[in-house]
């Protein structure tokens, strides 16, 4: 495996914090930074799956709002309420799946 070197500029205060955190983890500063890179995967905003989830959430939100308007007008039904609960569950499922893959933010 080829090794590369990089330089990170930081203030004295940030360097002290790096040293404290790496010492607390019983790692060198370099090893601690590498562990942070491995643990904090980047957010990929333009992944097709992320955009699919965003579009689904938008559509579900519009449907939930329409149902809420019906309830506010006194015309809501039990079926609409059940549909709303299913939509919230589906939205949660989509977001949870993305987070498990390391996409921490939807947008």
C-alpha atoms as a PDB file:
ATOM      1  CA  UNK A   1       0.000   0.000   0.000  1.00  0.00           C
ATOM      2  CA  UNK A   2       1.368   3.405  -0.975  1.00  0.00           C
ATOM      3  CA  UNK A   3       1.630   5.975   1.803  1.00  0.00           C
ATOM      4  CA  UNK A   4       1.048   9.702   1.417  1.00  0.00           C
ATOM      5  CA  UNK A   5       1.890  12.656   3.617  1.00  0.00           C
ATOM      6  CA  UNK A   6      -0.242  15.744   4.157  1.00  0.00           C
ATOM      7  CA  UNK A   7       0.091  18.907   6.202  1.00  0.00           C
ATOM      8  CA  UNK A   8      -2.717  20.272   8.339  1.00  0.00           C
ATOM      9  CA  UNK A   9      -2.446  23.835   9.583  1.00  0.00           C
ATOM     10  CA  UNK A  10      -4.156  24.624  12.870  1.00  0.00           C
ATOM     11  CA  UNK A  11      -3.994  27.070  15.706  1.00  0.00           C
ATOM     12  CA  UNK A  12      -2.106  26.299  18.889  1.00  0.00           C
ATOM     13  CA  UNK A  13      -5.450  25.898  20.656  1.00  0.00           C
ATOM     14  CA  UNK A  14      -6.645  23.361  18.060  1.00  0.00           C
ATOM     15  CA  UNK A  15      -3.330  21.500  18.232  1.00  0.00           C
ATOM     16  CA  UNK A  16      -3.619  21.265  22.042  1.00  0.00           C
ATOM     17  CA  UNK A  17      -7.139  19.881  21.608  1.00  0.00           C
ATOM     18  CA  UNK A  18      -5.862  17.340  19.068  1.00  0.00           C
ATOM     19  CA  UNK A  19      -3.134  16.221  21.464  1.00  0.00           C
ATOM     20  CA  UNK A  20      -5.608  15.894  24.366  1.00  0.00           C
ATOM     21  CA  UNK A  21      -8.101  13.875  22.323  1.00  0.00           C
ATOM     22  CA  UNK A  22      -5.470  11.609  20.811  1.00  0.00           C
ATOM     23  CA  UNK A  23      -3.858  11.017  24.232  1.00  0.00           C
ATOM     24  CA  UNK A  24      -7.256  10.223  25.756  1.00  0.00           C
ATOM     25  CA  UNK A  25      -7.762   7.613  23.022  1.00  0.00           C
ATOM     26  CA  UNK A  26      -4.201   6.320  23.598  1.00  0.00           C
ATOM     27  CA  UNK A  27      -3.336   7.039  19.955  1.00  0.00           C
ATOM     28  CA  UNK A  28      -0.813   9.203  18.188  1.00  0.00           C
ATOM     29  CA  UNK A  29      -2.197  12.406  16.696  1.00  0.00           C
ATOM     30  CA  UNK A  30      -1.923  10.870  13.213  1.00  0.00           C
ATOM     31  CA  UNK A  31      -3.641   7.620  14.233  1.00  0.00           C
ATOM     32  CA  UNK A  32      -6.425   9.568  15.961  1.00  0.00           C
ATOM     33  CA  UNK A  33      -6.996  11.729  12.861  1.00  0.00           C
ATOM     34  CA  UNK A  34      -7.077   8.618  10.646  1.00  0.00           C
ATOM     35  CA  UNK A  35      -9.611   7.003  13.001  1.00  0.00           C
ATOM     36  CA  UNK A  36     -11.744  10.143  12.765  1.00  0.00           C
ATOM     37  CA  UNK A  37     -11.632   9.981   8.958  1.00  0.00           C
ATOM     38  CA  UNK A  38     -12.729   6.353   9.042  1.00  0.00           C
ATOM     39  CA  UNK A  39     -15.546   7.002  11.534  1.00  0.00           C
ATOM     40  CA  UNK A  40     -16.858  10.246  10.023  1.00  0.00           C
ATOM     41  CA  UNK A  41     -17.739   9.246   6.496  1.00  0.00           C
ATOM     42  CA  UNK A  42     -18.438  12.145   4.151  1.00  0.00           C
ATOM     43  CA  UNK A  43     -21.948  13.229   3.315  1.00  0.00           C
ATOM     44  CA  UNK A  44     -22.656  12.558  -0.348  1.00  0.00           C
ATOM     45  CA  UNK A  45     -25.331  15.018  -1.353  1.00  0.00           C
ATOM     46  CA  UNK A  46     -25.867  13.960  -4.944  1.00  0.00           C
ATOM     47  CA  UNK A  47     -26.257  10.227  -4.498  1.00  0.00           C
ATOM     48  CA  UNK A  48     -29.276   9.036  -6.478  1.00  0.00           C
ATOM     49  CA  UNK A  49     -30.596   7.211  -3.413  1.00  0.00           C
ATOM     50  CA  UNK A  50     -30.400  10.384  -1.318  1.00  0.00           C
ATOM     51  CA  UNK A  51     -32.283  12.398  -3.932  1.00  0.00           C
ATOM     52  CA  UNK A  52     -34.868   9.612  -4.208  1.00  0.00           C
ATOM     53  CA  UNK A  53     -35.465   9.791  -0.462  1.00  0.00           C
ATOM     54  CA  UNK A  54     -35.735  13.595  -0.594  1.00  0.00           C
ATOM     55  CA  UNK A  55     -38.325  13.439  -3.381  1.00  0.00           C
ATOM     56  CA  UNK A  56     -40.240  10.766  -1.464  1.00  0.00           C
ATOM     57  CA  UNK A  57     -40.215  12.918   1.689  1.00  0.00           C
ATOM     58  CA  UNK A  58     -41.453  15.926  -0.289  1.00  0.00           C
ATOM     59  CA  UNK A  59     -44.335  13.944  -1.785  1.00  0.00           C
ATOM     60  CA  UNK A  60     -45.204  12.361   1.561  1.00  0.00           C
ATOM     61  CA  UNK A  61     -45.105  15.773   3.242  1.00  0.00           C
ATOM     62  CA  UNK A  62     -47.520  17.221   0.711  1.00  0.00           C
ATOM     63  CA  UNK A  63     -49.901  14.298   1.229  1.00  0.00           C
ATOM     64  CA  UNK A  64     -49.651  14.575   5.022  1.00  0.00           C
ATOM     65  CA  UNK A  65     -50.357  18.324   4.810  1.00  0.00           C
ATOM     66  CA  UNK A  66     -53.419  17.699   2.636  1.00  0.00           C
ATOM     67  CA  UNK A  67     -54.724  15.195   5.173  1.00  0.00           C
ATOM     68  CA  UNK A  68     -54.034  17.658   8.010  1.00  0.00           C
ATOM     69  CA  UNK A  69     -56.049  20.310   6.154  1.00  0.00           C
ATOM     70  CA  UNK A  70     -58.957  17.854   5.891  1.00  0.00           C
ATOM     71  CA  UNK A  71     -58.782  17.194   9.638  1.00  0.00           C
ATOM     72  CA  UNK A  72     -58.575  20.908  10.401  1.00  0.00           C
ATOM     73  CA  UNK A  73     -61.728  21.394   8.315  1.00  0.00           C
ATOM     74  CA  UNK A  74     -63.509  18.606  10.157  1.00  0.00           C
ATOM     75  CA  UNK A  75     -63.580  16.175   7.226  1.00  0.00           C
ATOM     76  CA  UNK A  76     -60.718  13.827   8.105  1.00  0.00           C
ATOM     77  CA  UNK A  77     -61.290  10.077   8.092  1.00  0.00           C
ATOM     78  CA  UNK A  78     -59.795   7.159   9.989  1.00  0.00           C
ATOM     79  CA  UNK A  79     -58.345   5.861   6.706  1.00  0.00           C
ATOM     80  CA  UNK A  80     -56.548   9.177   6.166  1.00  0.00           C
ATOM     81  CA  UNK A  81     -55.136   9.014   9.672  1.00  0.00           C
ATOM     82  CA  UNK A  82     -53.899   5.460   9.042  1.00  0.00           C
ATOM     83  CA  UNK A  83     -52.355   6.601   5.754  1.00  0.00           C
ATOM     84  CA  UNK A  84     -50.550   9.418   7.569  1.00  0.00           C
ATOM     85  CA  UNK A  85     -49.084   7.003  10.108  1.00  0.00           C
ATOM     86  CA  UNK A  86     -47.896   4.715   7.272  1.00  0.00           C
ATOM     87  CA  UNK A  87     -46.326   7.679   5.466  1.00  0.00           C
ATOM     88  CA  UNK A  88     -44.437   8.762   8.593  1.00  0.00           C
ATOM     89  CA  UNK A  89     -43.195   5.182   8.976  1.00  0.00           C
ATOM     90  CA  UNK A  90     -42.092   5.055   5.344  1.00  0.00           C
ATOM     91  CA  UNK A  91     -40.264   8.387   5.627  1.00  0.00           C
ATOM     92  CA  UNK A  92     -38.503   7.203   8.775  1.00  0.00           C
ATOM     93  CA  UNK A  93     -37.546   3.953   7.041  1.00  0.00           C
ATOM     94  CA  UNK A  94     -35.997   5.767   4.075  1.00  0.00           C
ATOM     95  CA  UNK A  95     -34.007   8.173   6.249  1.00  0.00           C
ATOM     96  CA  UNK A  96     -32.901   5.384   8.585  1.00  0.00           C
ATOM     97  CA  UNK A  97     -31.621   3.354   5.611  1.00  0.00           C
ATOM     98  CA  UNK A  98     -29.601   6.325   4.369  1.00  0.00           C
ATOM     99  CA  UNK A  99     -28.091   6.946   7.794  1.00  0.00           C
ATOM    100  CA  UNK A 100     -27.064   3.311   8.127  1.00  0.00           C
ATOM    101  CA  UNK A 101     -25.156   3.704   4.858  1.00  0.00           C
ATOM    102  CA  UNK A 102     -23.364   6.765   6.226  1.00  0.00           C
ATOM    103  CA  UNK A 103     -25.413   9.500   4.591  1.00  0.00           C
ATOM    104  CA  UNK A 104     -25.953  11.549   7.719  1.00  0.00           C
ATOM    105  CA  UNK A 105     -27.905  14.366   6.110  1.00  0.00           C
ATOM    106  CA  UNK A 106     -30.619  14.261   3.531  1.00  0.00           C
ATOM    107  CA  UNK A 107     -29.468  17.475   1.857  1.00  0.00           C
END
